[in-house]
């Protein structure tokens, strides 16, 4: 335990000589590097996604087919213009 106290004391004596703004920059750089290493994307082979097969529909009438068109409505509420409140 004594050797740990000696090492920490020497480290503290060196670090307190560095200006605070430089420590902010250094710790930001170190944090950015560590996060980029931890959150790296996988290899291109592992991130491949199988394409979705095209949607096919069967009709009850022979010779005709129907397709489903994507809906143009959105899930978010529509903002309406108008009075915002009583005056």
PDB file of N, CA and C in Angstrom:
ATOM      1  N   UNK A   1       0.812  -1.178   0.000  1.00  0.00           N
ATOM      2  CA  UNK A   1       0.000   0.000   0.000  1.00  0.00           C
ATOM      3  C   UNK A   1       0.868   1.260   0.000  1.00  0.00           C
ATOM      4  N   UNK A   2       2.020   1.140   0.573  1.00  0.00           N
ATOM      5  CA  UNK A   2       2.911   2.300   0.629  1.00  0.00           C
ATOM      6  C   UNK A   2       3.413   2.678  -0.763  1.00  0.00           C
ATOM      7  N   UNK A   3       3.727   1.673  -1.577  1.00  0.00           N
ATOM      8  CA  UNK A   3       4.212   1.969  -2.936  1.00  0.00           C
ATOM      9  C   UNK A   3       3.122   2.627  -3.769  1.00  0.00           C
ATOM     10  N   UNK A   4       1.857   2.262  -3.529  1.00  0.00           N
ATOM     11  CA  UNK A   4       0.750   2.876  -4.254  1.00  0.00           C
ATOM     12  C   UNK A   4       0.635   4.359  -3.866  1.00  0.00           C
ATOM     13  N   UNK A   5       0.815   4.672  -2.606  1.00  0.00           N
ATOM     14  CA  UNK A   5       0.764   6.057  -2.151  1.00  0.00           C
ATOM     15  C   UNK A   5       1.893   6.871  -2.760  1.00  0.00           C
ATOM     16  N   UNK A   6       3.063   6.293  -2.873  1.00  0.00           N
ATOM     17  CA  UNK A   6       4.206   6.994  -3.459  1.00  0.00           C
ATOM     18  C   UNK A   6       3.950   7.287  -4.936  1.00  0.00           C
ATOM     19  N   UNK A   7       3.436   6.287  -5.669  1.00  0.00           N
ATOM     20  CA  UNK A   7       3.164   6.466  -7.099  1.00  0.00           C
ATOM     21  C   UNK A   7       2.071   7.509  -7.317  1.00  0.00           C
ATOM     22  N   UNK A   8       1.007   7.439  -6.528  1.00  0.00           N
ATOM     23  CA  UNK A   8      -0.078   8.411  -6.678  1.00  0.00           C
ATOM     24  C   UNK A   8       0.380   9.825  -6.325  1.00  0.00           C
ATOM     25  N   UNK A   9       1.247   9.973  -5.333  1.00  0.00           N
ATOM     26  CA  UNK A   9       1.766  11.289  -4.959  1.00  0.00           C
ATOM     27  C   UNK A   9       2.614  11.875  -6.078  1.00  0.00           C
ATOM     28  N   UNK A  10       3.480  11.059  -6.655  1.00  0.00           N
ATOM     29  CA  UNK A  10       4.312  11.544  -7.757  1.00  0.00           C
ATOM     30  C   UNK A  10       3.462  11.906  -8.976  1.00  0.00           C
ATOM     31  N   UNK A  11       2.437  11.091  -9.244  1.00  0.00           N
ATOM     32  CA  UNK A  11       1.545  11.372 -10.373  1.00  0.00           C
ATOM     33  C   UNK A  11       0.799  12.686 -10.143  1.00  0.00           C
ATOM     34  N   UNK A  12       0.323  12.896  -8.931  1.00  0.00           N
ATOM     35  CA  UNK A  12      -0.395  14.126  -8.605  1.00  0.00           C
ATOM     36  C   UNK A  12       0.517  15.340  -8.755  1.00  0.00           C
ATOM     37  N   UNK A  13       1.760  15.236  -8.296  1.00  0.00           N
ATOM     38  CA  UNK A  13       2.701  16.350  -8.392  1.00  0.00           C
ATOM     39  C   UNK A  13       2.997  16.714  -9.842  1.00  0.00           C
ATOM     40  N   UNK A  14       2.966  15.746 -10.737  1.00  0.00           N
ATOM     41  CA  UNK A  14       3.204  16.025 -12.161  1.00  0.00           C
ATOM     42  C   UNK A  14       1.952  16.607 -12.806  1.00  0.00           C
ATOM     43  N   UNK A  15       0.786  16.026 -12.492  1.00  0.00           N
ATOM     44  CA  UNK A  15      -0.465  16.451 -13.133  1.00  0.00           C
ATOM     45  C   UNK A  15      -0.849  17.869 -12.713  1.00  0.00           C
ATOM     46  N   UNK A  16      -0.557  18.268 -11.482  1.00  0.00           N
ATOM     47  CA  UNK A  16      -0.964  19.609 -11.056  1.00  0.00           C
ATOM     48  C   UNK A  16      -0.156  20.702 -11.736  1.00  0.00           C
ATOM     49  N   UNK A  17       0.949  20.353 -12.390  1.00  0.00           N
ATOM     50  CA  UNK A  17       1.722  21.339 -13.146  1.00  0.00           C
ATOM     51  C   UNK A  17       1.061  21.662 -14.490  1.00  0.00           C
ATOM     52  N   UNK A  18       0.202  20.749 -14.984  1.00  0.00           N
ATOM     53  CA  UNK A  18      -0.468  20.943 -16.282  1.00  0.00           C
ATOM     54  C   UNK A  18      -1.671  21.867 -16.062  1.00  0.00           C
ATOM     55  N   UNK A  19      -1.852  22.867 -16.937  1.00  0.00           N
ATOM     56  CA  UNK A  19      -3.008  23.757 -16.788  1.00  0.00           C
ATOM     57  C   UNK A  19      -4.328  22.998 -16.922  1.00  0.00           C
ATOM     58  N   UNK A  20      -5.357  23.522 -16.276  1.00  0.00           N
ATOM     59  CA  UNK A  20      -6.657  22.857 -16.263  1.00  0.00           C
ATOM     60  C   UNK A  20      -7.241  22.748 -17.668  1.00  0.00           C
ATOM     61  N   UNK A  21      -7.097  23.783 -18.494  1.00  0.00           N
ATOM     62  CA  UNK A  21      -7.661  23.740 -19.845  1.00  0.00           C
ATOM     63  C   UNK A  21      -6.997  22.650 -20.683  1.00  0.00           C
ATOM     64  N   UNK A  22      -5.697  22.425 -20.456  1.00  0.00           N
ATOM     65  CA  UNK A  22      -4.999  21.369 -21.196  1.00  0.00           C
ATOM     66  C   UNK A  22      -5.489  19.993 -20.753  1.00  0.00           C
ATOM     67  N   UNK A  23      -5.801  19.859 -19.466  1.00  0.00           N
ATOM     68  CA  UNK A  23      -6.334  18.588 -18.975  1.00  0.00           C
ATOM     69  C   UNK A  23      -7.707  18.304 -19.573  1.00  0.00           C
ATOM     70  N   UNK A  24      -8.539  19.360 -19.719  1.00  0.00           N
ATOM     71  CA  UNK A  24      -9.844  19.185 -20.352  1.00  0.00           C
ATOM     72  C   UNK A  24      -9.687  18.679 -21.780  1.00  0.00           C
ATOM     73  N   UNK A  25      -8.754  19.256 -22.513  1.00  0.00           N
ATOM     74  CA  UNK A  25      -8.540  18.843 -23.906  1.00  0.00           C
ATOM     75  C   UNK A  25      -8.011  17.410 -23.967  1.00  0.00           C
ATOM     76  N   UNK A  26      -7.048  17.095 -23.115  1.00  0.00           N
ATOM     77  CA  UNK A  26      -6.467  15.749 -23.122  1.00  0.00           C
ATOM     78  C   UNK A  26      -7.493  14.678 -22.745  1.00  0.00           C
ATOM     79  N   UNK A  27      -8.289  14.945 -21.715  1.00  0.00           N
ATOM     80  CA  UNK A  27      -9.282  13.948 -21.328  1.00  0.00           C
ATOM     81  C   UNK A  27     -10.377  13.814 -22.391  1.00  0.00           C
ATOM     82  N   UNK A  28     -10.697  14.898 -23.077  1.00  0.00           N
ATOM     83  CA  UNK A  28     -11.668  14.818 -24.174  1.00  0.00           C
ATOM     84  C   UNK A  28     -11.145  13.967 -25.322  1.00  0.00           C
ATOM     85  N   UNK A  29      -9.881  14.144 -25.653  1.00  0.00           N
ATOM     86  CA  UNK A  29      -9.268  13.341 -26.719  1.00  0.00           C
ATOM     87  C   UNK A  29      -9.231  11.868 -26.327  1.00  0.00           C
ATOM     88  N   UNK A  30      -8.813  11.598 -25.090  1.00  0.00           N
ATOM     89  CA  UNK A  30      -8.754  10.204 -24.631  1.00  0.00           C
ATOM     90  C   UNK A  30     -10.146   9.573 -24.613  1.00  0.00           C
ATOM     91  N   UNK A  31     -11.130  10.301 -24.137  1.00  0.00           N
ATOM     92  CA  UNK A  31     -12.497   9.773 -24.100  1.00  0.00           C
ATOM     93  C   UNK A  31     -13.026   9.496 -25.491  1.00  0.00           C
ATOM     94  N   UNK A  32     -12.741  10.391 -26.432  1.00  0.00           N
ATOM     95  CA  UNK A  32     -13.191  10.195 -27.809  1.00  0.00           C
ATOM     96  C   UNK A  32     -12.537   8.962 -28.428  1.00  0.00           C
ATOM     97  N   UNK A  33     -11.254   8.791 -28.186  1.00  0.00           N
ATOM     98  CA  UNK A  33     -10.556   7.620 -28.734  1.00  0.00           C
ATOM     99  C   UNK A  33     -11.093   6.319 -28.133  1.00  0.00           C
ATOM    100  N   UNK A  34     -11.304   6.317 -26.844  1.00  0.00           N
ATOM    101  CA  UNK A  34     -11.809   5.102 -26.191  1.00  0.00           C
ATOM    102  C   UNK A  34     -13.196   4.756 -26.692  1.00  0.00           C
ATOM    103  N   UNK A  35     -14.072   5.762 -26.801  1.00  0.00           N
ATOM    104  CA  UNK A  35     -15.427   5.496 -27.301  1.00  0.00           C
ATOM    105  C   UNK A  35     -15.420   5.026 -28.745  1.00  0.00           C
ATOM    106  N   UNK A  36     -14.549   5.593 -29.574  1.00  0.00           N
ATOM    107  CA  UNK A  36     -14.505   5.150 -30.966  1.00  0.00           C
ATOM    108  C   UNK A  36     -13.992   3.718 -31.072  1.00  0.00           C
ATOM    109  N   UNK A  37     -13.107   3.320 -30.183  1.00  0.00           N
ATOM    110  CA  UNK A  37     -12.630   1.937 -30.196  1.00  0.00           C
ATOM    111  C   UNK A  37     -13.707   0.974 -29.697  1.00  0.00           C
ATOM    112  N   UNK A  38     -14.431   1.370 -28.682  1.00  0.00           N
ATOM    113  CA  UNK A  38     -15.445   0.498 -28.103  1.00  0.00           C
ATOM    114  C   UNK A  38     -16.640   0.351 -29.040  1.00  0.00           C
ATOM    115  N   UNK A  39     -17.025   1.439 -29.687  1.00  0.00           N
ATOM    116  CA  UNK A  39     -18.229   1.432 -30.509  1.00  0.00           C
ATOM    117  C   UNK A  39     -17.930   1.328 -32.005  1.00  0.00           C
ATOM    118  N   UNK A  40     -16.849   0.669 -32.340  1.00  0.00           N
ATOM    119  CA  UNK A  40     -16.536   0.475 -33.757  1.00  0.00           C
ATOM    120  C   UNK A  40     -17.572  -0.405 -34.403  1.00  0.00           C
ATOM    121  N   UNK A  41     -17.800  -0.154 -35.661  1.00  0.00           N
ATOM    122  CA  UNK A  41     -18.717  -1.013 -36.412  1.00  0.00           C
ATOM    123  C   UNK A  41     -18.013  -2.308 -36.752  1.00  0.00           C
ATOM    124  N   UNK A  42     -18.819  -3.333 -36.989  1.00  0.00           N
ATOM    125  CA  UNK A  42     -18.261  -4.633 -37.341  1.00  0.00           C
ATOM    126  C   UNK A  42     -17.708  -4.625 -38.759  1.00  0.00           C
ATOM    127  N   UNK A  43     -17.184  -5.744 -39.171  1.00  0.00           N
ATOM    128  CA  UNK A  43     -16.671  -5.855 -40.531  1.00  0.00           C
ATOM    129  C   UNK A  43     -17.825  -5.787 -41.518  1.00  0.00           C
ATOM    130  N   UNK A  44     -17.570  -5.426 -42.772  1.00  0.00           N
ATOM    131  CA  UNK A  44     -18.652  -5.324 -43.751  1.00  0.00           C
ATOM    132  C   UNK A  44     -19.423  -6.630 -43.945  1.00  0.00           C
ATOM    133  N   UNK A  45     -18.760  -7.770 -43.720  1.00  0.00           N
ATOM    134  CA  UNK A  45     -19.454  -9.041 -43.894  1.00  0.00           C
ATOM    135  C   UNK A  45     -20.528  -9.246 -42.828  1.00  0.00           C
ATOM    136  N   UNK A  46     -20.284  -8.771 -41.632  1.00  0.00           N
ATOM    137  CA  UNK A  46     -21.250  -8.981 -40.560  1.00  0.00           C
ATOM    138  C   UNK A  46     -22.386  -7.974 -40.596  1.00  0.00           C
ATOM    139  N   UNK A  47     -22.199  -6.849 -41.272  1.00  0.00           N
ATOM    140  CA  UNK A  47     -23.248  -5.842 -41.310  1.00  0.00           C
ATOM    141  C   UNK A  47     -24.132  -5.964 -42.539  1.00  0.00           C
ATOM    142  N   UNK A  48     -23.921  -6.978 -43.361  1.00  0.00           N
ATOM    143  CA  UNK A  48     -24.760  -7.166 -44.547  1.00  0.00           C
ATOM    144  C   UNK A  48     -26.179  -7.529 -44.121  1.00  0.00           C
ATOM    145  N   UNK A  49     -27.137  -6.962 -44.825  1.00  0.00           N
ATOM    146  CA  UNK A  49     -28.534  -7.253 -44.549  1.00  0.00           C
ATOM    147  C   UNK A  49     -29.110  -7.915 -45.792  1.00  0.00           C
ATOM    148  N   UNK A  50     -29.831  -9.009 -45.584  1.00  0.00           N
ATOM    149  CA  UNK A  50     -30.453  -9.680 -46.715  1.00  0.00           C
ATOM    150  C   UNK A  50     -31.554  -8.798 -47.281  1.00  0.00           C
ATOM    151  N   UNK A  51     -31.624  -8.685 -48.614  1.00  0.00           N
ATOM    152  CA  UNK A  51     -32.676  -7.853 -49.194  1.00  0.00           C
ATOM    153  C   UNK A  51     -34.052  -8.479 -48.954  1.00  0.00           C
ATOM    154  N   UNK A  52     -35.042  -7.622 -48.833  1.00  0.00           N
ATOM    155  CA  UNK A  52     -36.404  -8.078 -48.597  1.00  0.00           C
ATOM    156  C   UNK A  52     -36.983  -8.540 -49.931  1.00  0.00           C
ATOM    157  N   UNK A  53     -37.582  -9.735 -49.987  1.00  0.00           N
ATOM    158  CA  UNK A  53     -38.151 -10.194 -51.244  1.00  0.00           C
ATOM    159  C   UNK A  53     -39.327  -9.297 -51.625  1.00  0.00           C
ATOM    160  N   UNK A  54     -39.574  -9.118 -52.935  1.00  0.00           N
ATOM    161  CA  UNK A  54     -40.675  -8.258 -53.350  1.00  0.00           C
ATOM    162  C   UNK A  54     -42.011  -8.819 -52.894  1.00  0.00           C
ATOM    163  N   UNK A  55     -42.932  -7.917 -52.600  1.00  0.00           N
ATOM    164  CA  UNK A  55     -44.238  -8.290 -52.109  1.00  0.00           C
ATOM    165  C   UNK A  55     -45.108  -8.741 -53.273  1.00  0.00           C
ATOM    166  N   UNK A  56     -45.660  -9.918 -53.190  1.00  0.00           N
ATOM    167  CA  UNK A  56     -46.552 -10.406 -54.249  1.00  0.00           C
ATOM    168  C   UNK A  56     -47.905 -10.694 -53.638  1.00  0.00           C
ATOM    169  N   UNK A  57     -48.935 -10.411 -54.401  1.00  0.00           N
ATOM    170  CA  UNK A  57     -50.288 -10.684 -53.930  1.00  0.00           C
ATOM    171  C   UNK A  57     -50.984 -11.570 -54.936  1.00  0.00           C
ATOM    172  N   UNK A  58     -51.870 -12.370 -54.455  1.00  0.00           N
ATOM    173  CA  UNK A  58     -52.632 -13.234 -55.346  1.00  0.00           C
ATOM    174  C   UNK A  58     -54.056 -12.693 -55.429  1.00  0.00           C
ATOM    175  N   UNK A  59     -54.602 -12.734 -56.614  1.00  0.00           N
ATOM    176  CA  UNK A  59     -55.968 -12.241 -56.765  1.00  0.00           C
ATOM    177  C   UNK A  59     -56.925 -13.426 -56.895  1.00  0.00           C
ATOM    178  N   UNK A  60     -58.179 -13.145 -56.634  1.00  0.00           N
ATOM    179  CA  UNK A  60     -59.178 -14.203 -56.740  1.00  0.00           C
ATOM    180  C   UNK A  60     -59.674 -14.343 -58.176  1.00  0.00           C
ATOM    181  N   UNK A  61     -59.458 -13.333 -58.979  1.00  0.00           N
ATOM    182  CA  UNK A  61     -59.876 -13.385 -60.374  1.00  0.00           C
ATOM    183  C   UNK A  61     -58.657 -13.781 -61.200  1.00  0.00           C
ATOM    184  N   UNK A  62     -58.830 -14.747 -62.075  1.00  0.00           N
ATOM    185  CA  UNK A  62     -57.727 -15.219 -62.903  1.00  0.00           C
ATOM    186  C   UNK A  62     -57.349 -14.133 -63.908  1.00  0.00           C
ATOM    187  N   UNK A  63     -56.049 -13.918 -64.078  1.00  0.00           N
ATOM    188  CA  UNK A  63     -55.575 -12.991 -65.084  1.00  0.00           C
ATOM    189  C   UNK A  63     -55.370 -11.570 -64.575  1.00  0.00           C
ATOM    190  N   UNK A  64     -55.779 -11.251 -63.396  1.00  0.00           N
ATOM    191  CA  UNK A  64     -55.540  -9.896 -62.890  1.00  0.00           C
ATOM    192  C   UNK A  64     -54.769  -9.994 -61.576  1.00  0.00           C
ATOM    193  N   UNK A  65     -53.982  -9.000 -61.337  1.00  0.00           N
ATOM    194  CA  UNK A  65     -53.219  -8.980 -60.087  1.00  0.00           C
ATOM    195  C   UNK A  65     -53.369  -7.610 -59.458  1.00  0.00           C
ATOM    196  N   UNK A  66     -53.218  -7.584 -58.164  1.00  0.00           N
ATOM    197  CA  UNK A  66     -53.292  -6.320 -57.449  1.00  0.00           C
ATOM    198  C   UNK A  66     -52.001  -6.128 -56.686  1.00  0.00           C
ATOM    199  N   UNK A  67     -51.615  -4.893 -56.549  1.00  0.00           N
ATOM    200  CA  UNK A  67     -50.442  -4.577 -55.744  1.00  0.00           C
ATOM    201  C   UNK A  67     -50.861  -3.602 -54.666  1.00  0.00           C
ATOM    202  N   UNK A  68     -50.144  -3.643 -53.601  1.00  0.00           N
ATOM    203  CA  UNK A  68     -50.449  -2.774 -52.489  1.00  0.00           C
ATOM    204  C   UNK A  68     -49.557  -1.544 -52.590  1.00  0.00           C
ATOM    205  N   UNK A  69     -50.171  -0.359 -52.665  1.00  0.00           N
ATOM    206  CA  UNK A  69     -49.421   0.885 -52.726  1.00  0.00           C
ATOM    207  C   UNK A  69     -49.125   1.348 -51.309  1.00  0.00           C
ATOM    208  N   UNK A  70     -47.941   1.935 -51.094  1.00  0.00           N
ATOM    209  CA  UNK A  70     -47.628   2.414 -49.754  1.00  0.00           C
ATOM    210  C   UNK A  70     -48.549   3.569 -49.374  1.00  0.00           C
ATOM    211  N   UNK A  71     -48.910   3.611 -48.137  1.00  0.00           N
ATOM    212  CA  UNK A  71     -49.817   4.626 -47.636  1.00  0.00           C
ATOM    213  C   UNK A  71     -49.123   5.979 -47.612  1.00  0.00           C
ATOM    214  N   UNK A  72     -49.837   7.038 -47.977  1.00  0.00           N
ATOM    215  CA  UNK A  72     -49.248   8.365 -47.984  1.00  0.00           C
ATOM    216  C   UNK A  72     -49.476   9.089 -46.666  1.00  0.00           C
ATOM    217  N   UNK A  73     -50.216   8.475 -45.775  1.00  0.00           N
ATOM    218  CA  UNK A  73     -50.443   9.116 -44.486  1.00  0.00           C
ATOM    219  C   UNK A  73     -49.258   8.851 -43.574  1.00  0.00           C
ATOM    220  N   UNK A  74     -48.977   9.806 -42.726  1.00  0.00           N
ATOM    221  CA  UNK A  74     -47.855   9.637 -41.809  1.00  0.00           C
ATOM    222  C   UNK A  74     -48.381   9.349 -40.410  1.00  0.00           C
ATOM    223  N   UNK A  75     -47.509   8.819 -39.577  1.00  0.00           N
ATOM    224  CA  UNK A  75     -47.888   8.463 -38.223  1.00  0.00           C
ATOM    225  C   UNK A  75     -47.888   9.681 -37.311  1.00  0.00           C
ATOM    226  N   UNK A  76     -47.244  10.765 -37.737  1.00  0.00           N
ATOM    227  CA  UNK A  76     -47.185  11.948 -36.890  1.00  0.00           C
ATOM    228  C   UNK A  76     -48.446  12.783 -37.072  1.00  0.00           C
ATOM    229  N   UNK A  77     -48.850  13.504 -36.032  1.00  0.00           N
ATOM    230  CA  UNK A  77     -50.065  14.317 -36.131  1.00  0.00           C
ATOM    231  C   UNK A  77     -49.862  15.483 -37.092  1.00  0.00           C
ATOM    232  N   UNK A  78     -50.953  15.894 -37.705  1.00  0.00           N
ATOM    233  CA  UNK A  78     -50.905  16.977 -38.669  1.00  0.00           C
ATOM    234  C   UNK A  78     -51.082  18.290 -37.926  1.00  0.00           C
ATOM    235  N   UNK A  79     -50.202  19.259 -38.224  1.00  0.00           N
ATOM    236  CA  UNK A  79     -50.329  20.569 -37.617  1.00  0.00           C
ATOM    237  C   UNK A  79     -51.318  21.378 -38.444  1.00  0.00           C
ATOM    238  N   UNK A  80     -52.274  21.952 -37.793  1.00  0.00           N
ATOM    239  CA  UNK A  80     -53.308  22.711 -38.486  1.00  0.00           C
ATOM    240  C   UNK A  80     -53.115  24.204 -38.237  1.00  0.00           C
ATOM    241  N   UNK A  81     -53.410  24.965 -39.276  1.00  0.00           N
ATOM    242  CA  UNK A  81     -53.352  26.412 -39.153  1.00  0.00           C
ATOM    243  C   UNK A  81     -54.664  26.899 -38.604  1.00  0.00           C
ATOM    244  N   UNK A  82     -54.635  27.888 -37.821  1.00  0.00           N
ATOM    245  CA  UNK A  82     -55.861  28.434 -37.275  1.00  0.00           C
ATOM    246  C   UNK A  82     -55.595  29.215 -36.011  1.00  0.00           C
ATOM    247  N   UNK A  83     -56.671  29.516 -35.317  1.00  0.00           N
ATOM    248  CA  UNK A  83     -56.552  30.276 -34.082  1.00  0.00           C
ATOM    249  C   UNK A  83     -55.874  29.435 -33.007  1.00  0.00           C
ATOM    250  N   UNK A  84     -54.995  30.078 -32.273  1.00  0.00           N
ATOM    251  CA  UNK A  84     -54.271  29.360 -31.230  1.00  0.00           C
ATOM    252  C   UNK A  84     -54.962  29.487 -29.882  1.00  0.00           C
ATOM    253  N   UNK A  85     -55.869  30.423 -29.740  1.00  0.00           N
ATOM    254  CA  UNK A  85     -56.531  30.576 -28.452  1.00  0.00           C
ATOM    255  C   UNK A  85     -57.430  31.793 -28.467  1.00  0.00           C
ATOM    256  N   UNK A  86     -58.160  31.945 -27.417  1.00  0.00           N
ATOM    257  CA  UNK A  86     -59.061  33.098 -27.310  1.00  0.00           C
ATOM    258  C   UNK A  86     -58.292  34.327 -26.883  1.00  0.00           C
ATOM    259  N   UNK A  87     -58.742  35.469 -27.395  1.00  0.00           N
ATOM    260  CA  UNK A  87     -58.093  36.725 -27.023  1.00  0.00           C
ATOM    261  C   UNK A  87     -58.983  37.535 -26.142  1.00  0.00           C
TER     262      UNK A  87
END
